[in-house]
Amino acid sequence: MNIYVSNLSSDIQDDDLMKMFAAYGPVQSVEIPKDIFSGESRGFGFIEMNDNIAAQKAIDALHEVEVDSLSLSVQQYNN
C-alpha cells in the first residue's frame, strides 16, 4: 500500500519517516521530495508498505500525530 504523509516539518528526513512507519511493519520505501533550490523538504512524503494490514495500522496510529509541532496528515495514496 502506498501512503501519503503531509504537513511534515522541513527538518524531517527519510530515515525519520522510515523509523516511524517501521514500528508497524516492513517499509519498502520512503521518499520526501525536496525543493530543488533549497534542498529542504517540500512538506510531504510517500511511504510504501507491502503489508496492507500493517500499512492501515500505521495510518490509523499516525494520522494527526504531532511531530515537530505539526499535526501529520496520513492517508492511503492511490496513484
PDB file of N, CA and C in Angstrom:
ATOM      1  N   MET A   1       0.855  -1.179   0.000  1.00  0.00           N
ATOM      2  CA  MET A   1       0.000   0.000   0.000  1.00  0.00           C
ATOM      3  C   MET A   1       0.897   1.237   0.000  1.00  0.00           C
ATOM      4  N   ASN A   2       0.517   2.209  -0.774  1.00  0.00           N
ATOM      5  CA  ASN A   2       1.214   3.488  -0.793  1.00  0.00           C
ATOM      6  C   ASN A   2       0.521   4.439   0.170  1.00  0.00           C
ATOM      7  N   ILE A   3       1.326   5.182   0.900  1.00  0.00           N
ATOM      8  CA  ILE A   3       0.824   6.092   1.930  1.00  0.00           C
ATOM      9  C   ILE A   3       1.356   7.487   1.637  1.00  0.00           C
ATOM     10  N   TYR A   4       0.479   8.470   1.792  1.00  0.00           N
ATOM     11  CA  TYR A   4       0.837   9.876   1.610  1.00  0.00           C
ATOM     12  C   TYR A   4       0.821  10.542   2.976  1.00  0.00           C
ATOM     13  N   VAL A   5       1.901  11.240   3.306  1.00  0.00           N
ATOM     14  CA  VAL A   5       2.005  11.955   4.577  1.00  0.00           C
ATOM     15  C   VAL A   5       2.243  13.422   4.258  1.00  0.00           C
ATOM     16  N   SER A   6       1.425  14.289   4.831  1.00  0.00           N
ATOM     17  CA  SER A   6       1.623  15.719   4.605  1.00  0.00           C
ATOM     18  C   SER A   6       1.727  16.452   5.935  1.00  0.00           C
ATOM     19  N   ASN A   7       2.075  17.711   5.840  1.00  0.00           N
ATOM     20  CA  ASN A   7       2.299  18.587   6.982  1.00  0.00           C
ATOM     21  C   ASN A   7       3.578  18.204   7.733  1.00  0.00           C
ATOM     22  N   LEU A   8       4.596  17.804   6.965  1.00  0.00           N
ATOM     23  CA  LEU A   8       5.899  17.468   7.544  1.00  0.00           C
ATOM     24  C   LEU A   8       6.719  18.737   7.748  1.00  0.00           C
ATOM     25  N   SER A   9       7.503  18.760   8.810  1.00  0.00           N
ATOM     26  CA  SER A   9       8.402  19.893   9.023  1.00  0.00           C
ATOM     27  C   SER A   9       9.541  19.821   8.012  1.00  0.00           C
ATOM     28  N   SER A  10      10.192  20.930   7.796  1.00  0.00           N
ATOM     29  CA  SER A  10      11.301  20.964   6.842  1.00  0.00           C
ATOM     30  C   SER A  10      12.519  20.215   7.370  1.00  0.00           C
ATOM     31  N   ASP A  11      12.526  19.893   8.664  1.00  0.00           N
ATOM     32  CA  ASP A  11      13.664  19.196   9.275  1.00  0.00           C
ATOM     33  C   ASP A  11      13.584  17.679   9.156  1.00  0.00           C
ATOM     34  N   ILE A  12      12.418  17.141   8.861  1.00  0.00           N
ATOM     35  CA  ILE A  12      12.255  15.684   8.869  1.00  0.00           C
ATOM     36  C   ILE A  12      12.975  15.063   7.668  1.00  0.00           C
ATOM     37  N   GLN A  13      13.583  13.912   7.905  1.00  0.00           N
ATOM     38  CA  GLN A  13      14.355  13.202   6.887  1.00  0.00           C
ATOM     39  C   GLN A  13      13.698  11.859   6.569  1.00  0.00           C
ATOM     40  N   ASP A  14      14.117  11.247   5.462  1.00  0.00           N
ATOM     41  CA  ASP A  14      13.592   9.935   5.073  1.00  0.00           C
ATOM     42  C   ASP A  14      13.730   8.922   6.203  1.00  0.00           C
ATOM     43  N   ASP A  15      14.888   8.917   6.866  1.00  0.00           N
ATOM     44  CA  ASP A  15      15.125   7.960   7.955  1.00  0.00           C
ATOM     45  C   ASP A  15      14.141   8.144   9.106  1.00  0.00           C
ATOM     46  N   ASP A  16      13.748   9.390   9.377  1.00  0.00           N
ATOM     47  CA  ASP A  16      12.783   9.655  10.445  1.00  0.00           C
ATOM     48  C   ASP A  16      11.442   9.002  10.128  1.00  0.00           C
ATOM     49  N   LEU A  17      10.975   9.174   8.885  1.00  0.00           N
ATOM     50  CA  LEU A  17       9.707   8.555   8.484  1.00  0.00           C
ATOM     51  C   LEU A  17       9.828   7.038   8.468  1.00  0.00           C
ATOM     52  N   MET A  18      10.964   6.540   8.015  1.00  0.00           N
ATOM     53  CA  MET A  18      11.195   5.092   7.981  1.00  0.00           C
ATOM     54  C   MET A  18      11.028   4.509   9.386  1.00  0.00           C
ATOM     55  N   LYS A  19      11.638   5.132  10.373  1.00  0.00           N
ATOM     56  CA  LYS A  19      11.548   4.645  11.757  1.00  0.00           C
ATOM     57  C   LYS A  19      10.113   4.706  12.277  1.00  0.00           C
ATOM     58  N   MET A  20       9.406   5.795  11.976  1.00  0.00           N
ATOM     59  CA  MET A  20       8.025   5.939  12.448  1.00  0.00           C
ATOM     60  C   MET A  20       7.141   4.823  11.905  1.00  0.00           C
ATOM     61  N   PHE A  21       7.245   4.553  10.611  1.00  0.00           N
ATOM     62  CA  PHE A  21       6.368   3.574   9.975  1.00  0.00           C
ATOM     63  C   PHE A  21       6.833   2.145  10.195  1.00  0.00           C
ATOM     64  N   ALA A  22       8.127   1.927  10.357  1.00  0.00           N
ATOM     65  CA  ALA A  22       8.659   0.578  10.582  1.00  0.00           C
ATOM     66  C   ALA A  22       8.169  -0.009  11.898  1.00  0.00           C
ATOM     67  N   ALA A  23       7.711   0.822  12.803  1.00  0.00           N
ATOM     68  CA  ALA A  23       7.148   0.328  14.064  1.00  0.00           C
ATOM     69  C   ALA A  23       5.879  -0.486  13.819  1.00  0.00           C
ATOM     70  N   TYR A  24       5.277  -0.359  12.636  1.00  0.00           N
ATOM     71  CA  TYR A  24       4.020  -1.050  12.314  1.00  0.00           C
ATOM     72  C   TYR A  24       4.198  -2.180  11.312  1.00  0.00           C
ATOM     73  N   GLY A  25       5.364  -2.280  10.696  1.00  0.00           N
ATOM     74  CA  GLY A  25       5.630  -3.344   9.737  1.00  0.00           C
ATOM     75  C   GLY A  25       6.736  -2.943   8.784  1.00  0.00           C
ATOM     76  N   PRO A  26       7.144  -3.884   7.928  1.00  0.00           N
ATOM     77  CA  PRO A  26       8.239  -3.610   6.992  1.00  0.00           C
ATOM     78  C   PRO A  26       7.903  -2.483   6.009  1.00  0.00           C
ATOM     79  N   VAL A  27       8.851  -1.586   5.841  1.00  0.00           N
ATOM     80  CA  VAL A  27       8.705  -0.460   4.920  1.00  0.00           C
ATOM     81  C   VAL A  27       9.579  -0.725   3.698  1.00  0.00           C
ATOM     82  N   GLN A  28       8.976  -0.672   2.516  1.00  0.00           N
ATOM     83  CA  GLN A  28       9.722  -0.914   1.282  1.00  0.00           C
ATOM     84  C   GLN A  28      10.472   0.335   0.824  1.00  0.00           C
ATOM     85  N   SER A  29       9.829   1.483   0.943  1.00  0.00           N
ATOM     86  CA  SER A  29      10.499   2.708   0.503  1.00  0.00           C
ATOM     87  C   SER A  29       9.889   3.931   1.175  1.00  0.00           C
ATOM     88  N   VAL A  30      10.699   4.976   1.241  1.00  0.00           N
ATOM     89  CA  VAL A  30      10.279   6.276   1.770  1.00  0.00           C
ATOM     90  C   VAL A  30      10.865   7.337   0.851  1.00  0.00           C
ATOM     91  N   GLU A  31      10.050   8.312   0.513  1.00  0.00           N
ATOM     92  CA  GLU A  31      10.544   9.431  -0.291  1.00  0.00           C
ATOM     93  C   GLU A  31       9.924  10.722   0.211  1.00  0.00           C
ATOM     94  N   ILE A  32      10.772  11.677   0.537  1.00  0.00           N
ATOM     95  CA  ILE A  32      10.326  13.024   0.876  1.00  0.00           C
ATOM     96  C   ILE A  32      10.875  13.941  -0.215  1.00  0.00           C
ATOM     97  N   PRO A  33      10.020  14.416  -1.123  1.00  0.00           N
ATOM     98  CA  PRO A  33      10.501  15.310  -2.182  1.00  0.00           C
ATOM     99  C   PRO A  33      11.135  16.571  -1.589  1.00  0.00           C
ATOM    100  N   LYS A  34      12.221  16.987  -2.202  1.00  0.00           N
ATOM    101  CA  LYS A  34      12.965  18.165  -1.737  1.00  0.00           C
ATOM    102  C   LYS A  34      12.837  19.305  -2.745  1.00  0.00           C
ATOM    103  N   ASP A  35      12.873  20.521  -2.230  1.00  0.00           N
ATOM    104  CA  ASP A  35      12.915  21.702  -3.075  1.00  0.00           C
ATOM    105  C   ASP A  35      14.239  21.690  -3.841  1.00  0.00           C
ATOM    106  N   ILE A  36      14.194  21.904  -5.140  1.00  0.00           N
ATOM    107  CA  ILE A  36      15.414  21.787  -5.943  1.00  0.00           C
ATOM    108  C   ILE A  36      16.426  22.899  -5.657  1.00  0.00           C
ATOM    109  N   PHE A  37      15.970  24.013  -5.117  1.00  0.00           N
ATOM    110  CA  PHE A  37      16.885  25.123  -4.846  1.00  0.00           C
ATOM    111  C   PHE A  37      17.430  25.090  -3.424  1.00  0.00           C
ATOM    112  N   SER A  38      16.557  24.877  -2.449  1.00  0.00           N
ATOM    113  CA  SER A  38      16.994  24.913  -1.046  1.00  0.00           C
ATOM    114  C   SER A  38      17.400  23.546  -0.511  1.00  0.00           C
ATOM    115  N   GLY A  39      16.892  22.472  -1.135  1.00  0.00           N
ATOM    116  CA  GLY A  39      17.168  21.126  -0.634  1.00  0.00           C
ATOM    117  C   GLY A  39      16.313  20.739   0.554  1.00  0.00           C
ATOM    118  N   GLU A  40      15.421  21.628   0.987  1.00  0.00           N
ATOM    119  CA  GLU A  40      14.549  21.342   2.131  1.00  0.00           C
ATOM    120  C   GLU A  40      13.329  20.537   1.695  1.00  0.00           C
ATOM    121  N   SER A  41      12.759  19.842   2.670  1.00  0.00           N
ATOM    122  CA  SER A  41      11.537  19.079   2.446  1.00  0.00           C
ATOM    123  C   SER A  41      10.447  19.991   1.899  1.00  0.00           C
ATOM    124  N   ARG A  42       9.645  19.444   0.991  1.00  0.00           N
ATOM    125  CA  ARG A  42       8.507  20.201   0.458  1.00  0.00           C
ATOM    126  C   ARG A  42       7.270  20.032   1.333  1.00  0.00           C
ATOM    127  N   GLY A  43       7.410  19.308   2.461  1.00  0.00           N
ATOM    128  CA  GLY A  43       6.324  19.215   3.429  1.00  0.00           C
ATOM    129  C   GLY A  43       5.440  17.999   3.287  1.00  0.00           C
ATOM    130  N   PHE A  44       5.808  17.083   2.387  1.00  0.00           N
ATOM    131  CA  PHE A  44       5.029  15.855   2.242  1.00  0.00           C
ATOM    132  C   PHE A  44       5.962  14.717   1.859  1.00  0.00           C
ATOM    133  N   GLY A  45       5.440  13.492   1.974  1.00  0.00           N
ATOM    134  CA  GLY A  45       6.254  12.335   1.628  1.00  0.00           C
ATOM    135  C   GLY A  45       5.399  11.134   1.283  1.00  0.00           C
ATOM    136  N   PHE A  46       6.059  10.102   0.774  1.00  0.00           N
ATOM    137  CA  PHE A  46       5.399   8.870   0.365  1.00  0.00           C
ATOM    138  C   PHE A  46       6.093   7.687   1.023  1.00  0.00           C
ATOM    139  N   ILE A  47       5.311   6.753   1.505  1.00  0.00           N
ATOM    140  CA  ILE A  47       5.817   5.538   2.121  1.00  0.00           C
ATOM    141  C   ILE A  47       5.168   4.369   1.409  1.00  0.00           C
ATOM    142  N   GLU A  48       5.933   3.330   1.132  1.00  0.00           N
ATOM    143  CA  GLU A  48       5.382   2.112   0.546  1.00  0.00           C
ATOM    144  C   GLU A  48       5.567   0.974   1.533  1.00  0.00           C
ATOM    145  N   MET A  49       4.450   0.305   1.851  1.00  0.00           N
ATOM    146  CA  MET A  49       4.459  -0.872   2.720  1.00  0.00           C
ATOM    147  C   MET A  49       3.698  -1.972   1.991  1.00  0.00           C
ATOM    148  N   ASN A  50       4.299  -3.155   1.856  1.00  0.00           N
ATOM    149  CA  ASN A  50       3.641  -4.247   1.132  1.00  0.00           C
ATOM    150  C   ASN A  50       2.541  -4.921   1.938  1.00  0.00           C
ATOM    151  N   ASP A  51       2.641  -4.873   3.261  1.00  0.00           N
ATOM    152  CA  ASP A  51       1.641  -5.489   4.133  1.00  0.00           C
ATOM    153  C   ASP A  51       0.511  -4.484   4.364  1.00  0.00           C
ATOM    154  N   ASN A  52      -0.633  -4.705   3.708  1.00  0.00           N
ATOM    155  CA  ASN A  52      -1.744  -3.751   3.792  1.00  0.00           C
ATOM    156  C   ASN A  52      -2.297  -3.603   5.199  1.00  0.00           C
ATOM    157  N   ILE A  53      -2.283  -4.672   5.970  1.00  0.00           N
ATOM    158  CA  ILE A  53      -2.784  -4.594   7.349  1.00  0.00           C
ATOM    159  C   ILE A  53      -1.864  -3.712   8.180  1.00  0.00           C
ATOM    160  N   ALA A  54      -0.563  -3.915   8.055  1.00  0.00           N
ATOM    161  CA  ALA A  54       0.407  -3.087   8.779  1.00  0.00           C
ATOM    162  C   ALA A  54       0.308  -1.633   8.324  1.00  0.00           C
ATOM    163  N   ALA A  55       0.129  -1.428   7.029  1.00  0.00           N
ATOM    164  CA  ALA A  55       0.015  -0.070   6.497  1.00  0.00           C
ATOM    165  C   ALA A  55      -1.208   0.637   7.073  1.00  0.00           C
ATOM    166  N   GLN A  56      -2.338  -0.060   7.143  1.00  0.00           N
ATOM    167  CA  GLN A  56      -3.546   0.552   7.695  1.00  0.00           C
ATOM    168  C   GLN A  56      -3.372   0.861   9.178  1.00  0.00           C
ATOM    169  N   LYS A  57      -2.680  -0.017   9.898  1.00  0.00           N
ATOM    170  CA  LYS A  57      -2.398   0.250  11.321  1.00  0.00           C
ATOM    171  C   LYS A  57      -1.546   1.506  11.466  1.00  0.00           C
ATOM    172  N   ALA A  58      -0.561   1.659  10.598  1.00  0.00           N
ATOM    173  CA  ALA A  58       0.293   2.848  10.637  1.00  0.00           C
ATOM    174  C   ALA A  58      -0.519   4.106  10.342  1.00  0.00           C
ATOM    175  N   ILE A  59      -1.381   4.037   9.339  1.00  0.00           N
ATOM    176  CA  ILE A  59      -2.226   5.184   9.001  1.00  0.00           C
ATOM    177  C   ILE A  59      -3.096   5.559  10.195  1.00  0.00           C
ATOM    178  N   ASP A  60      -3.760   4.566  10.773  1.00  0.00           N
ATOM    179  CA  ASP A  60      -4.652   4.823  11.908  1.00  0.00           C
ATOM    180  C   ASP A  60      -3.897   5.397  13.101  1.00  0.00           C
ATOM    181  N   ALA A  61      -2.696   4.882  13.349  1.00  0.00           N
ATOM    182  CA  ALA A  61      -1.934   5.298  14.527  1.00  0.00           C
ATOM    183  C   ALA A  61      -1.261   6.659  14.353  1.00  0.00           C
ATOM    184  N   LEU A  62      -0.830   6.984  13.143  1.00  0.00           N
ATOM    185  CA  LEU A  62      -0.011   8.179  12.945  1.00  0.00           C
ATOM    186  C   LEU A  62      -0.781   9.389  12.419  1.00  0.00           C
ATOM    187  N   HIS A  63      -2.004   9.186  11.936  1.00  0.00           N
ATOM    188  CA  HIS A  63      -2.796  10.314  11.442  1.00  0.00           C
ATOM    189  C   HIS A  63      -3.076  11.275  12.596  1.00  0.00           C
ATOM    190  N   GLU A  64      -2.772  12.543  12.377  1.00  0.00           N
ATOM    191  CA  GLU A  64      -2.973  13.627  13.335  1.00  0.00           C
ATOM    192  C   GLU A  64      -2.038  13.567  14.541  1.00  0.00           C
ATOM    193  N   VAL A  65      -0.970  12.766  14.457  1.00  0.00           N
ATOM    194  CA  VAL A  65       0.056  12.764  15.498  1.00  0.00           C
ATOM    195  C   VAL A  65       0.905  14.019  15.309  1.00  0.00           C
ATOM    196  N   GLU A  66       1.288  14.640  16.416  1.00  0.00           N
ATOM    197  CA  GLU A  66       2.089  15.855  16.344  1.00  0.00           C
ATOM    198  C   GLU A  66       3.576  15.511  16.291  1.00  0.00           C
ATOM    199  N   VAL A  67       4.246  16.024  15.263  1.00  0.00           N
ATOM    200  CA  VAL A  67       5.691  15.849  15.092  1.00  0.00           C
ATOM    201  C   VAL A  67       6.280  17.227  14.790  1.00  0.00           C
ATOM    202  N   ASP A  68       7.241  17.647  15.589  1.00  0.00           N
ATOM    203  CA  ASP A  68       7.855  18.974  15.419  1.00  0.00           C
ATOM    204  C   ASP A  68       6.794  20.073  15.403  1.00  0.00           C
ATOM    205  N   SER A  69       5.836  19.967  16.315  1.00  0.00           N
ATOM    206  CA  SER A  69       4.755  20.951  16.486  1.00  0.00           C
ATOM    207  C   SER A  69       3.785  21.022  15.312  1.00  0.00           C
ATOM    208  N   LEU A  70       3.812  20.023  14.430  1.00  0.00           N
ATOM    209  CA  LEU A  70       2.873  19.964  13.307  1.00  0.00           C
ATOM    210  C   LEU A  70       2.075  18.668  13.380  1.00  0.00           C
ATOM    211  N   SER A  71       0.785  18.743  13.090  1.00  0.00           N
ATOM    212  CA  SER A  71      -0.088  17.573  13.102  1.00  0.00           C
ATOM    213  C   SER A  71      -0.034  16.891  11.734  1.00  0.00           C
ATOM    214  N   LEU A  72       0.459  15.650  11.704  1.00  0.00           N
ATOM    215  CA  LEU A  72       0.593  14.922  10.446  1.00  0.00           C
ATOM    216  C   LEU A  72      -0.763  14.555   9.862  1.00  0.00           C
ATOM    217  N   SER A  73      -0.847  14.572   8.552  1.00  0.00           N
ATOM    218  CA  SER A  73      -1.989  14.019   7.839  1.00  0.00           C
ATOM    219  C   SER A  73      -1.472  12.782   7.118  1.00  0.00           C
ATOM    220  N   VAL A  74      -2.035  11.616   7.451  1.00  0.00           N
ATOM    221  CA  VAL A  74      -1.561  10.345   6.905  1.00  0.00           C
ATOM    222  C   VAL A  74      -2.746   9.639   6.262  1.00  0.00           C
ATOM    223  N   GLN A  75      -2.603   9.271   4.989  1.00  0.00           N
ATOM    224  CA  GLN A  75      -3.705   8.611   4.290  1.00  0.00           C
ATOM    225  C   GLN A  75      -3.181   7.699   3.193  1.00  0.00           C
ATOM    226  N   GLN A  76      -4.031   6.785   2.772  1.00  0.00           N
ATOM    227  CA  GLN A  76      -3.673   5.909   1.658  1.00  0.00           C
ATOM    228  C   GLN A  76      -3.546   6.762   0.403  1.00  0.00           C
ATOM    229  N   TYR A  77      -2.547   6.434  -0.410  1.00  0.00           N
ATOM    230  CA  TYR A  77      -2.306   7.173  -1.646  1.00  0.00           C
ATOM    231  C   TYR A  77      -2.620   6.266  -2.822  1.00  0.00           C
ATOM    232  N   ASN A  78      -3.554   6.694  -3.643  1.00  0.00           N
ATOM    233  CA  ASN A  78      -3.923   5.933  -4.843  1.00  0.00           C
ATOM    234  C   ASN A  78      -3.368   6.653  -6.051  1.00  0.00           C
ATOM    235  N   ASN A  79      -2.235   6.165  -6.548  1.00  0.00           N
ATOM    236  CA  ASN A  79      -1.615   6.844  -7.685  1.00  0.00           C
ATOM    237  C   ASN A  79      -2.113   6.305  -8.994  1.00  0.00           C
TER     238      ASN A  79
END
